[in-house]
Amino acid sequence: MTAGLATRPQRRTTRRTSYRKGWGWWSATAVVLLPALIPPITLGWQVVSDGAVSTVPIGRLVELMLGTLALSVAVTATALAIGIGTAWLTTRTNLRGRRAWSILVALPLVIPSYMAALTIIGATGPGGLIDSWFGIEIPTPYGFTGAWLALSVFLAPMAHLIVTPSLRGIDPATEEAALGLGASQTRAFFTVTLPQLRPALVSAGLMIGLYTISDFGAVSLLRFDTFTRAIYTLYAGQIDRRPAATLSVVLMVLALVILLIERRTRSRASYTASSSRRARRDIELGTAGRTLGQGLLGTYVAFSLLMPAMVLGYWLVRGIGAGNEVTGLWSEVGRSLSVSVAAALLAVVAAFPMAMVTTWRRAKASALVDTSVWAAYSLPHITVGVAFVAFALQYMRPLYQTVALLLIAYMGMFLAQAVGPIQDALARSSPDLEDASRGLGRSWTQTLRRVTLPITTPGLLAGAALVFLSVMKELPATLLLRPNGFETLAIRIWSSTGEGFYTRASAASLALIAVSIVPLLVMTRRDLST
């Protein structure tokens, strides 16, 4: 599992130790699941009870639906193509420095969409980096083109990280058989390798598609109308917020439909990873092939890593040279770190009982819990923010615009990211260890402390890191739920870019990258070594 990703672990179906069956675990699971259920229940009830459906013209709904779907399809197709290409080059060929290339290709995942949009805005247009350095003025690609470019380039690492392990797990005998029957490398890839990547491609496509329809930062800064941008405009600029709730429900339903389609597609794909230990022979590329491969990887890294660094550094140096001051940055770093650490700890504590009951055995109740968590993860974050605002105003007014409400919302949004690694750690462990502890007379609390917690420590740390990185980058829900004057690095980047203060935005962006890149690099190195 890697930052920003939350793929379902493959769990065994064997019966687990009985001490996980207690009602205490189920009661705790029911409590921690509530934040994940608040958004769909609140928004659905608000739309039905207030009759908000009629407040949004059908033509506007159709326009937003078409724009959102078109962007999602285009970004998903482009990011998958880039991710498959980089994964194949760094996994199957004899290119030099493949491990270093694989890490470099994965690192752009730390860059949020609004920072990608800032890079495009800062590099193009009058006075941009390209104009200042080379004297070539490239118009800023506002609208669909800019949003497609920003999201495609910076979401491709999702596909790369999901496809890479699957490429390594394919039995080399199947490809060798195709080659032995006279198929070319290209034909063997499309007829043998690519079909076996279907589950990985479905997972990657789901992650990219859901991210695209829920994206707020890139589409807002690059001025392309999707549901998220329209929802925020209606929410912030109108006294009557029922239209925003209506659009939120439509967007939420769209995300759930995509999730259901993915589940049905996954159930039909039953490919098994190879248990063969035979060494795979790398595909020998000639001089021209190696040059082309290195060039393609270098071009992608230049656009996704070097260009953001150059643009941010250029605007920062230029602004400071012009007398612009960068103030308040350390306080925003402190706020971002504090809420990210708190949300990560809260999420792993909440995820532990849920992982216990869902890995004990396959049952309808545990499957329902698992599905609810992943459905909550698939919800666009701006709809989660709108739902929590409505819920707090009606039922928990003292929590409105407090850090406590913000942390509860974070837990509901990113609970799946904490549950997944813990489930994986439990599923990989033997239940005999827990049974032996109980058989030796240990109480359930002693077994939990001395056996279960040590087993799940890697999963707990991985889940905490995932939630930490996601909260650091989170923008739309933070915009709607934060207390007055509570600015994080993400808020500063978004607001400064929208107001044209690129020096402040660049400083905050570099600080966000610096804080996030170390845990991302550690997790990426771990994933690529497995």
Protein backbone atom coordinates (compact mmCIF):
# COMPACT_ATOMS: atom_id res chain seq x y z
CA MET A 1 0.00 0.00 0.00
CA THR A 2 1.29 3.42 -0.89
CA ALA A 3 0.33 6.93 0.11
CA GLY A 4 -2.83 8.07 -1.55
CA LEU A 5 -3.78 4.50 -2.48
CA ALA A 6 -6.11 2.17 -0.63
CA THR A 7 -6.49 -1.16 -2.36
CA ARG A 8 -8.39 -4.02 -0.76
CA PRO A 9 -6.06 -6.63 0.76
CA GLN A 10 -6.49 -10.22 -0.31
CA ARG A 11 -7.76 -11.92 2.84
CA ARG A 12 -7.88 -15.59 3.65
CA THR A 13 -11.22 -17.16 4.31
CA THR A 14 -10.04 -19.42 7.15
CA ARG A 15 -11.76 -19.15 10.49
CA ARG A 16 -9.99 -16.89 12.95
CA THR A 17 -9.44 -17.29 16.67
CA SER A 18 -12.59 -17.05 18.77
CA TYR A 19 -11.52 -14.18 21.01
CA ARG A 20 -12.29 -11.80 18.18
CA LYS A 21 -15.97 -12.72 18.25
CA GLY A 22 -16.92 -10.75 21.32
CA TRP A 23 -19.66 -8.15 21.20
CA GLY A 24 -17.13 -5.58 22.40
CA TRP A 25 -15.38 -5.61 19.02
CA TRP A 26 -18.69 -5.31 17.16
CA SER A 27 -19.88 -2.49 19.45
CA ALA A 28 -16.65 -0.58 18.89
CA THR A 29 -16.96 -1.16 15.14
CA ALA A 30 -20.50 0.21 15.12
CA VAL A 31 -19.35 3.37 16.93
CA VAL A 32 -16.34 4.12 14.72
CA LEU A 33 -18.36 3.44 11.57
CA LEU A 34 -20.75 6.30 12.33
CA PRO A 35 -18.55 9.11 10.87
CA ALA A 36 -18.36 7.19 7.60
CA LEU A 37 -22.16 6.90 7.45
CA ILE A 38 -22.94 10.54 8.26
CA PRO A 39 -22.40 11.94 4.72
CA PRO A 40 -24.76 9.68 2.73
CA ILE A 41 -27.47 9.65 5.40
CA THR A 42 -27.36 13.41 6.05
CA LEU A 43 -27.33 14.49 2.41
CA GLY A 44 -29.98 11.98 1.37
CA TRP A 45 -32.31 13.08 4.17
CA GLN A 46 -31.72 16.76 3.45
CA VAL A 47 -32.57 16.42 -0.22
CA VAL A 48 -35.67 14.29 0.42
CA SER A 49 -37.02 16.32 3.35
CA ASP A 50 -36.33 19.78 1.90
CA GLY A 51 -37.39 18.99 -1.64
CA ALA A 52 -34.07 20.32 -2.94
CA VAL A 53 -34.11 18.37 -6.18
CA SER A 54 -36.23 20.97 -7.92
CA THR A 55 -33.75 23.76 -7.10
CA VAL A 56 -31.23 22.63 -9.74
CA PRO A 57 -32.16 22.88 -13.44
CA ILE A 58 -31.95 19.59 -15.33
CA GLY A 59 -29.86 21.22 -18.04
CA ARG A 60 -27.25 22.24 -15.49
CA LEU A 61 -27.15 18.73 -14.03
CA VAL A 62 -26.61 17.23 -17.48
CA GLU A 63 -23.88 19.76 -18.28
CA LEU A 64 -21.99 19.01 -15.09
CA MET A 65 -22.47 15.27 -15.48
CA LEU A 66 -21.07 15.25 -19.02
CA GLY A 67 -18.12 17.45 -18.10
CA THR A 68 -17.24 15.39 -15.02
CA LEU A 69 -17.53 12.04 -16.84
CA ALA A 70 -15.56 13.27 -19.87
CA LEU A 71 -12.71 14.45 -17.66
CA SER A 72 -12.76 11.23 -15.64
CA VAL A 73 -12.62 8.99 -18.72
CA ALA A 74 -9.86 11.04 -20.38
CA VAL A 75 -7.69 11.23 -17.24
CA THR A 76 -8.15 7.53 -16.43
CA ALA A 77 -7.19 6.40 -19.93
CA THR A 78 -4.14 8.68 -20.09
CA ALA A 79 -2.87 7.91 -16.58
CA LEU A 80 -3.27 4.17 -17.13
CA ALA A 81 -1.33 4.36 -20.39
CA ILE A 82 1.52 6.25 -18.67
CA GLY A 83 1.48 3.96 -15.64
CA ILE A 84 1.55 0.75 -17.71
CA GLY A 85 4.43 2.09 -19.78
CA THR A 86 6.56 3.14 -16.81
CA ALA A 87 5.81 -0.10 -14.93
CA TRP A 88 6.80 -2.23 -17.94
CA LEU A 89 10.02 -0.30 -18.56
CA THR A 90 11.13 -0.50 -14.92
CA THR A 91 10.03 -4.11 -14.37
CA ARG A 92 10.58 -6.08 -17.56
CA THR A 93 13.44 -4.51 -19.50
CA ASN A 94 17.20 -4.28 -19.15
CA LEU A 95 17.26 -0.51 -18.65
CA ARG A 96 19.97 0.72 -16.31
CA GLY A 97 18.90 2.19 -12.98
CA ARG A 98 15.43 0.64 -13.10
CA ARG A 99 14.94 0.78 -9.31
CA ALA A 100 15.89 4.45 -9.18
CA TRP A 101 13.59 5.18 -12.12
CA SER A 102 10.73 3.32 -10.43
CA ILE A 103 11.10 5.42 -7.27
CA LEU A 104 11.35 8.66 -9.25
CA VAL A 105 8.23 7.80 -11.24
CA ALA A 106 6.30 7.12 -8.01
CA LEU A 107 7.33 10.29 -6.17
CA PRO A 108 4.92 12.69 -7.99
CA LEU A 109 2.17 11.06 -5.92
CA VAL A 110 3.16 13.48 -3.14
CA ILE A 111 2.08 16.43 -5.30
CA PRO A 112 -1.64 17.24 -4.85
CA SER A 113 -3.78 18.28 -7.77
CA TYR A 114 -3.90 21.95 -6.80
CA MET A 115 -0.10 22.03 -6.75
CA ALA A 116 -0.08 20.46 -10.21
CA ALA A 117 -2.42 23.23 -11.38
CA LEU A 118 -0.13 25.82 -9.78
CA THR A 119 2.79 24.33 -11.72
CA ILE A 120 0.95 24.68 -15.02
CA ILE A 121 -0.16 28.22 -14.24
CA GLY A 122 3.33 29.22 -13.13
CA ALA A 123 5.06 27.71 -16.16
CA THR A 124 2.78 29.16 -18.86
CA GLY A 125 1.25 32.49 -19.71
CA PRO A 126 2.84 35.97 -19.76
CA GLY A 127 5.69 36.16 -17.27
CA GLY A 128 5.64 32.43 -16.65
CA LEU A 129 8.74 30.27 -16.34
CA ILE A 130 8.82 29.34 -20.03
CA ASP A 131 8.26 32.94 -21.13
CA SER A 132 10.91 34.31 -18.76
CA TRP A 133 13.60 31.74 -19.54
CA PHE A 134 13.06 30.99 -23.22
CA GLY A 135 11.04 33.94 -24.49
CA ILE A 136 8.24 31.63 -25.65
CA GLU A 137 4.80 32.58 -24.39
CA ILE A 138 2.55 29.52 -24.13
CA PRO A 139 -1.06 30.37 -23.23
CA THR A 140 -2.17 28.88 -19.93
CA PRO A 141 -4.38 25.88 -20.78
CA TYR A 142 -7.40 26.76 -18.70
CA GLY A 143 -10.48 24.58 -18.95
CA PHE A 144 -10.67 20.91 -19.90
CA THR A 145 -7.18 20.71 -21.42
CA GLY A 146 -5.41 22.07 -18.36
CA ALA A 147 -7.38 19.92 -15.92
CA TRP A 148 -6.80 16.80 -18.06
CA LEU A 149 -3.06 17.50 -18.31
CA ALA A 150 -2.58 18.21 -14.60
CA LEU A 151 -4.54 15.21 -13.36
CA SER A 152 -3.20 12.74 -15.93
CA VAL A 153 0.46 13.48 -15.29
CA PHE A 154 0.20 13.52 -11.51
CA LEU A 155 -2.15 10.52 -11.13
CA ALA A 156 -0.08 8.20 -13.32
CA PRO A 157 1.98 7.04 -10.27
CA MET A 158 -1.17 5.39 -8.90
CA ALA A 159 -1.31 3.15 -11.96
CA HIS A 160 2.45 2.56 -11.84
CA LEU A 161 2.43 1.42 -8.21
CA ILE A 162 -0.57 -0.90 -8.65
CA VAL A 163 0.54 -2.44 -11.97
CA THR A 164 4.19 -3.02 -10.98
CA PRO A 165 3.56 -5.85 -8.42
CA SER A 166 1.11 -7.50 -10.81
CA LEU A 167 3.67 -7.50 -13.60
CA ARG A 168 6.16 -9.14 -11.27
CA GLY A 169 3.62 -11.78 -10.20
CA ILE A 170 2.76 -13.07 -13.68
CA ASP A 171 4.08 -16.57 -14.35
CA PRO A 172 6.89 -16.17 -16.91
CA ALA A 173 5.97 -19.55 -18.43
CA THR A 174 2.81 -18.11 -20.01
CA GLU A 175 4.72 -15.42 -21.86
CA GLU A 176 7.54 -17.78 -22.78
CA ALA A 177 4.99 -20.21 -24.25
CA ALA A 178 3.56 -17.45 -26.45
CA LEU A 179 7.03 -16.45 -27.60
CA GLY A 180 7.89 -20.10 -28.27
CA LEU A 181 4.85 -20.38 -30.52
CA GLY A 182 6.21 -17.56 -32.67
CA ALA A 183 4.47 -14.52 -31.18
CA SER A 184 6.39 -11.26 -31.11
CA GLN A 185 7.09 -9.42 -27.87
CA THR A 186 4.36 -6.91 -28.74
CA ARG A 187 1.77 -9.57 -29.51
CA ALA A 188 2.67 -11.54 -26.36
CA PHE A 189 2.20 -8.41 -24.28
CA PHE A 190 -1.26 -7.61 -25.65
CA THR A 191 -2.56 -11.20 -25.82
CA VAL A 192 -0.97 -12.77 -22.73
CA THR A 193 0.41 -10.15 -20.32
CA LEU A 194 -2.23 -7.43 -20.56
CA PRO A 195 -5.23 -9.74 -19.93
CA GLN A 196 -3.56 -10.99 -16.74
CA LEU A 197 -3.21 -7.38 -15.57
CA ARG A 198 -6.97 -6.86 -15.69
CA PRO A 199 -7.58 -6.90 -11.90
CA ALA A 200 -4.73 -4.44 -11.33
CA LEU A 201 -5.93 -2.19 -14.14
CA VAL A 202 -9.47 -2.23 -12.76
CA SER A 203 -8.19 -1.23 -9.31
CA ALA A 204 -5.97 1.50 -10.73
CA GLY A 205 -8.76 2.77 -12.96
CA LEU A 206 -11.12 2.90 -9.99
CA MET A 207 -8.66 4.91 -7.90
CA ILE A 208 -7.91 7.34 -10.72
CA GLY A 209 -11.53 7.69 -11.80
CA LEU A 210 -12.81 8.34 -8.28
CA TYR A 211 -10.03 10.82 -7.61
CA THR A 212 -10.84 12.68 -10.82
CA ILE A 213 -14.57 13.06 -10.19
CA SER A 214 -13.86 14.17 -6.61
CA ASP A 215 -11.02 16.55 -7.48
CA PHE A 216 -11.57 20.14 -6.47
CA GLY A 217 -8.21 21.90 -6.53
CA ALA A 218 -7.11 21.42 -10.14
CA VAL A 219 -10.51 22.02 -11.72
CA SER A 220 -11.06 25.14 -9.62
CA LEU A 221 -7.69 26.75 -10.30
CA LEU A 222 -7.82 25.82 -14.00
CA ARG A 223 -11.47 26.94 -14.28
CA PHE A 224 -13.14 23.81 -15.57
CA ASP A 225 -16.71 23.25 -14.46
CA THR A 226 -17.30 19.91 -12.74
CA PHE A 227 -19.59 18.91 -9.88
CA THR A 228 -17.01 19.76 -7.23
CA ARG A 229 -16.40 23.30 -8.47
CA ALA A 230 -20.14 23.94 -8.85
CA ILE A 231 -20.85 22.57 -5.37
CA TYR A 232 -18.30 24.86 -3.72
CA THR A 233 -19.53 27.88 -5.71
CA LEU A 234 -23.14 27.24 -4.66
CA TYR A 235 -22.14 26.54 -1.07
CA ALA A 236 -19.93 29.62 -0.64
CA GLY A 237 -21.94 32.13 -2.63
CA GLN A 238 -25.57 31.33 -1.78
CA ILE A 239 -27.70 31.69 1.32
CA ASP A 240 -29.86 28.78 0.13
CA ARG A 241 -27.52 25.79 0.24
CA ARG A 242 -30.05 23.22 -0.95
CA PRO A 243 -28.70 23.27 -4.54
CA ALA A 244 -25.24 22.44 -3.19
CA ALA A 245 -26.73 19.52 -1.27
CA THR A 246 -28.51 18.29 -4.39
CA LEU A 247 -25.36 18.35 -6.49
CA SER A 248 -23.50 16.64 -3.65
CA VAL A 249 -26.00 13.78 -3.64
CA VAL A 250 -25.75 13.39 -7.43
CA LEU A 251 -21.95 13.32 -7.24
CA MET A 252 -22.07 10.86 -4.35
CA VAL A 253 -24.37 8.54 -6.32
CA LEU A 254 -22.04 8.78 -9.33
CA ALA A 255 -19.07 7.71 -7.17
CA LEU A 256 -21.03 4.80 -5.68
CA VAL A 257 -22.12 3.63 -9.14
CA ILE A 258 -18.48 3.57 -10.25
CA LEU A 259 -17.60 1.60 -7.10
CA LEU A 260 -20.35 -0.96 -7.75
CA ILE A 261 -19.25 -1.39 -11.36
CA GLU A 262 -15.71 -2.01 -10.15
CA ARG A 263 -16.88 -4.63 -7.65
CA ARG A 264 -18.83 -6.51 -10.31
CA THR A 265 -15.88 -6.34 -12.70
CA ARG A 266 -13.50 -7.55 -9.98
CA SER A 267 -15.73 -10.50 -9.14
CA ARG A 268 -15.54 -11.70 -12.74
CA ALA A 269 -11.77 -11.51 -12.85
CA SER A 270 -10.21 -14.48 -11.14
CA TYR A 271 -6.54 -14.42 -12.01
CA THR A 272 -4.15 -16.11 -9.64
CA ALA A 273 -0.62 -14.93 -8.99
CA SER A 274 2.07 -17.36 -9.87
CA SER A 275 3.87 -19.27 -7.16
CA SER A 276 6.75 -20.02 -9.50
CA ARG A 277 10.18 -19.02 -8.23
CA ARG A 278 11.86 -19.17 -11.64
CA ALA A 279 13.87 -16.10 -12.46
CA ARG A 280 12.37 -14.01 -15.21
CA ARG A 281 14.62 -13.00 -18.04
CA ASP A 282 14.58 -9.30 -18.77
CA ILE A 283 13.59 -8.19 -22.24
CA GLU A 284 16.77 -7.19 -24.01
CA LEU A 285 16.39 -3.76 -25.56
CA GLY A 286 18.83 -2.64 -28.18
CA THR A 287 20.70 0.64 -28.08
CA ALA A 288 17.81 2.47 -29.74
CA GLY A 289 15.27 0.84 -27.41
CA ARG A 290 17.23 1.70 -24.28
CA THR A 291 17.68 5.27 -25.47
CA LEU A 292 13.97 5.59 -26.19
CA GLY A 293 13.03 4.04 -22.83
CA GLN A 294 15.38 6.29 -20.88
CA GLY A 295 14.08 9.26 -22.84
CA LEU A 296 10.44 8.44 -22.08
CA LEU A 297 11.11 7.97 -18.37
CA GLY A 298 13.26 11.10 -18.25
CA THR A 299 10.57 13.14 -20.00
CA TYR A 300 7.93 12.01 -17.52
CA VAL A 301 10.16 12.72 -14.51
CA ALA A 302 11.03 16.12 -15.96
CA PHE A 303 7.38 17.09 -16.31
CA SER A 304 6.17 15.57 -13.03
CA LEU A 305 9.10 16.35 -10.69
CA LEU A 306 11.63 18.77 -12.14
CA MET A 307 9.12 21.21 -13.62
CA PRO A 308 7.15 21.62 -10.35
CA ALA A 309 10.41 22.14 -8.44
CA MET A 310 11.65 24.67 -10.99
CA VAL A 311 8.36 26.58 -11.13
CA LEU A 312 7.99 26.72 -7.35
CA GLY A 313 11.62 27.74 -6.88
CA TYR A 314 11.38 30.33 -9.66
CA TRP A 315 8.30 32.02 -8.21
CA LEU A 316 9.73 31.93 -4.69
CA VAL A 317 13.09 33.48 -5.66
CA ARG A 318 11.45 36.00 -7.97
CA GLY A 319 8.94 37.05 -5.33
CA ILE A 320 11.50 37.40 -2.56
CA GLY A 321 13.73 39.38 -4.92
CA ALA A 322 10.81 41.72 -5.60
CA GLY A 323 10.36 42.34 -1.89
CA ASN A 324 7.47 39.95 -1.18
CA GLU A 325 7.55 38.53 2.31
CA VAL A 326 6.70 34.99 3.28
CA THR A 327 5.19 35.16 6.76
CA GLY A 328 3.15 32.79 8.91
CA LEU A 329 4.49 29.69 7.17
CA TRP A 330 5.72 27.97 10.30
CA SER A 331 2.34 28.30 12.00
CA GLU A 332 0.67 26.71 8.98
CA VAL A 333 3.23 23.90 8.98
CA GLY A 334 2.46 23.36 12.65
CA ARG A 335 -1.30 23.25 12.06
CA SER A 336 -0.94 20.84 9.14
CA LEU A 337 1.32 18.54 11.12
CA SER A 338 -0.88 18.62 14.23
CA VAL A 339 -4.15 17.75 12.47
CA SER A 340 -2.44 15.16 10.26
CA VAL A 341 -0.83 13.37 13.23
CA ALA A 342 -4.05 13.55 15.27
CA ALA A 343 -6.17 12.25 12.36
CA ALA A 344 -3.70 9.42 11.71
CA LEU A 345 -3.77 8.29 15.35
CA LEU A 346 -7.55 8.57 15.53
CA ALA A 347 -7.99 6.62 12.30
CA VAL A 348 -5.77 3.66 13.28
CA VAL A 349 -7.43 3.40 16.71
CA ALA A 350 -10.84 3.39 15.02
CA ALA A 351 -9.72 0.97 12.32
CA PHE A 352 -8.35 -1.70 14.68
CA PRO A 353 -11.66 -3.19 15.92
CA MET A 354 -13.04 -2.99 12.39
CA ALA A 355 -10.08 -4.93 11.02
CA MET A 356 -10.50 -7.51 13.78
CA VAL A 357 -14.13 -8.31 12.95
CA THR A 358 -13.68 -8.22 9.17
CA THR A 359 -10.70 -10.61 9.15
CA TRP A 360 -12.17 -13.10 11.62
CA ARG A 361 -14.27 -14.83 9.00
CA ARG A 362 -16.33 -14.18 5.90
CA ALA A 363 -19.84 -13.29 7.03
CA LYS A 364 -22.62 -11.01 5.85
CA ALA A 365 -22.12 -8.61 8.75
CA SER A 366 -18.36 -8.28 8.24
CA ALA A 367 -18.83 -7.95 4.47
CA LEU A 368 -21.34 -5.15 5.07
CA VAL A 369 -18.89 -3.34 7.33
CA ASP A 370 -16.11 -3.74 4.78
CA THR A 371 -18.32 -2.46 1.95
CA SER A 372 -19.48 0.53 4.01
CA VAL A 373 -15.90 1.58 4.73
CA TRP A 374 -14.87 1.40 1.09
CA ALA A 375 -18.05 3.15 -0.03
CA ALA A 376 -17.26 6.00 2.37
CA TYR A 377 -13.72 6.17 0.99
CA SER A 378 -15.10 6.53 -2.53
CA LEU A 379 -17.20 9.59 -1.67
CA PRO A 380 -15.94 12.92 -3.05
CA HIS A 381 -14.47 14.93 -0.21
CA ILE A 382 -16.41 18.07 -0.97
CA THR A 383 -19.68 16.15 -0.50
CA VAL A 384 -18.36 14.87 2.81
CA GLY A 385 -17.63 18.43 3.86
CA VAL A 386 -21.10 19.65 2.86
CA ALA A 387 -22.69 16.73 4.74
CA PHE A 388 -20.76 17.36 7.95
CA VAL A 389 -21.63 21.06 7.85
CA ALA A 390 -25.34 20.23 7.54
CA PHE A 391 -25.11 17.58 10.26
CA ALA A 392 -23.27 19.86 12.67
CA LEU A 393 -25.65 22.79 12.16
CA GLN A 394 -28.67 20.60 12.84
CA TYR A 395 -27.50 18.16 15.49
CA MET A 396 -24.08 19.20 16.87
CA ARG A 397 -23.94 22.98 16.65
CA PRO A 398 -21.25 23.33 19.37
CA LEU A 399 -18.89 21.33 17.12
CA TYR A 400 -19.48 23.53 14.06
CA GLN A 401 -16.20 25.03 12.79
CA THR A 402 -14.07 23.24 15.35
CA VAL A 403 -10.96 21.12 14.97
CA ALA A 404 -12.85 18.23 16.60
CA LEU A 405 -15.41 18.14 13.77
CA LEU A 406 -12.60 18.38 11.22
CA LEU A 407 -10.86 15.35 12.75
CA ILE A 408 -14.11 13.35 12.82
CA ALA A 409 -14.61 14.10 9.13
CA TYR A 410 -11.03 13.07 8.35
CA MET A 411 -11.59 9.78 10.16
CA GLY A 412 -14.72 9.05 8.13
CA MET A 413 -13.02 9.89 4.82
CA PHE A 414 -9.76 8.04 5.34
CA LEU A 415 -10.83 5.13 7.55
CA ALA A 416 -10.37 2.67 4.68
CA GLN A 417 -6.74 3.71 4.32
CA ALA A 418 -6.13 2.72 7.94
CA VAL A 419 -8.26 -0.45 7.83
CA GLY A 420 -6.62 -1.91 4.72
CA PRO A 421 -3.03 -2.33 6.02
CA ILE A 422 -4.26 -3.67 9.38
CA GLN A 423 -6.48 -6.21 7.62
CA ASP A 424 -3.53 -7.22 5.50
CA ALA A 425 -1.28 -7.70 8.56
CA LEU A 426 -3.93 -9.80 10.34
CA ALA A 427 -4.65 -11.88 7.24
CA ARG A 428 -0.96 -12.71 6.78
CA SER A 429 -0.56 -13.88 10.39
CA SER A 430 -1.39 -17.31 11.74
CA PRO A 431 -4.41 -17.52 14.09
CA ASP A 432 -2.59 -20.30 15.97
CA LEU A 433 -0.50 -17.69 17.79
CA GLU A 434 -3.56 -16.08 19.35
CA ASP A 435 -5.14 -19.48 20.09
CA ALA A 436 -1.93 -20.64 21.76
CA SER A 437 -1.86 -17.54 23.95
CA ARG A 438 -5.43 -18.14 25.08
CA GLY A 439 -4.69 -21.84 25.60
CA LEU A 440 -1.82 -20.93 27.93
CA GLY A 441 -4.22 -19.05 30.18
CA ARG A 442 -3.64 -15.51 28.95
CA SER A 443 -6.61 -13.17 29.16
CA TRP A 444 -7.93 -11.54 26.02
CA THR A 445 -6.30 -8.23 27.01
CA GLN A 446 -2.93 -9.94 27.48
CA THR A 447 -3.31 -11.73 24.16
CA LEU A 448 -4.18 -8.43 22.53
CA ARG A 449 -1.18 -6.63 24.04
CA ARG A 450 1.45 -9.36 23.65
CA VAL A 451 0.38 -11.12 20.44
CA THR A 452 -2.12 -9.27 18.28
CA LEU A 453 -0.72 -5.74 18.57
CA PRO A 454 2.87 -6.80 17.74
CA ILE A 455 1.55 -8.73 14.74
CA THR A 456 -0.35 -5.71 13.45
CA THR A 457 2.31 -3.08 14.20
CA PRO A 458 3.51 -2.86 10.56
CA GLY A 459 -0.08 -2.44 9.41
CA LEU A 460 -0.79 0.17 12.07
CA LEU A 461 2.26 2.19 11.02
CA ALA A 462 1.44 1.89 7.32
CA GLY A 463 -2.17 2.93 7.88
CA ALA A 464 -1.11 5.89 10.01
CA ALA A 465 1.34 7.01 7.32
CA LEU A 466 -1.32 6.76 4.61
CA VAL A 467 -3.83 8.83 6.58
CA PHE A 468 -1.13 11.36 7.56
CA LEU A 469 -0.17 11.98 3.92
CA SER A 470 -3.79 12.20 2.78
CA VAL A 471 -4.74 14.72 5.46
CA MET A 472 -1.66 16.82 4.64
CA LYS A 473 -2.93 17.22 1.07
CA GLU A 474 -6.66 17.42 1.82
CA LEU A 475 -8.33 20.61 0.55
CA PRO A 476 -12.13 20.69 -0.06
CA ALA A 477 -13.33 19.24 3.25
CA THR A 478 -10.82 21.40 5.11
CA LEU A 479 -12.09 24.50 3.32
CA LEU A 480 -15.65 23.83 4.46
CA LEU A 481 -15.05 22.54 7.99
CA ARG A 482 -12.03 24.41 9.35
CA PRO A 483 -12.42 26.95 12.15
CA ASN A 484 -12.17 30.61 11.19
CA GLY A 485 -8.52 31.56 10.75
CA PHE A 486 -7.34 27.95 10.81
CA GLU A 487 -5.08 27.83 7.75
CA THR A 488 -3.18 24.72 6.74
CA LEU A 489 -0.56 24.47 4.01
CA ALA A 490 -3.20 23.18 1.58
CA ILE A 491 -5.48 26.15 2.32
CA ARG A 492 -2.63 28.60 1.89
CA ILE A 493 -1.61 27.12 -1.48
CA TRP A 494 -5.17 27.22 -2.80
CA SER A 495 -6.06 30.70 -1.56
CA SER A 496 -2.71 32.28 -2.52
CA THR A 497 -2.86 30.84 -6.04
CA GLY A 498 -6.43 32.02 -6.52
CA GLU A 499 -5.41 35.54 -5.45
CA GLY A 500 -2.28 35.57 -7.60
CA PHE A 501 0.19 35.51 -4.67
CA TYR A 502 2.49 32.93 -6.20
CA THR A 503 5.38 33.61 -3.82
CA ARG A 504 3.30 32.60 -0.81
CA ALA A 505 1.83 29.64 -2.69
CA SER A 506 5.27 28.43 -3.77
CA ALA A 507 6.70 28.61 -0.25
CA ALA A 508 3.75 26.64 1.14
CA SER A 509 4.02 24.09 -1.69
CA LEU A 510 7.71 23.46 -1.06
CA ALA A 511 7.01 23.10 2.67
CA LEU A 512 4.24 20.58 1.98
CA ILE A 513 6.53 18.53 -0.27
CA ALA A 514 9.32 18.61 2.30
CA VAL A 515 7.04 17.37 5.07
CA SER A 516 5.41 14.65 2.94
CA ILE A 517 8.24 13.27 0.85
CA VAL A 518 10.09 11.38 3.59
CA PRO A 519 7.24 9.05 4.65
CA LEU A 520 6.22 8.66 0.99
CA LEU A 521 9.77 7.72 -0.01
CA VAL A 522 10.01 5.17 2.81
CA MET A 523 6.69 3.56 1.87
CA THR A 524 7.48 3.62 -1.84
CA ARG A 525 10.82 1.88 -1.31
CA ARG A 526 9.10 -0.74 0.82
CA ASP A 527 6.36 -1.39 -1.75
CA LEU A 528 8.79 -1.65 -4.66
CA SER A 529 10.92 -4.15 -2.77
CA THR A 530 8.02 -6.58 -2.14
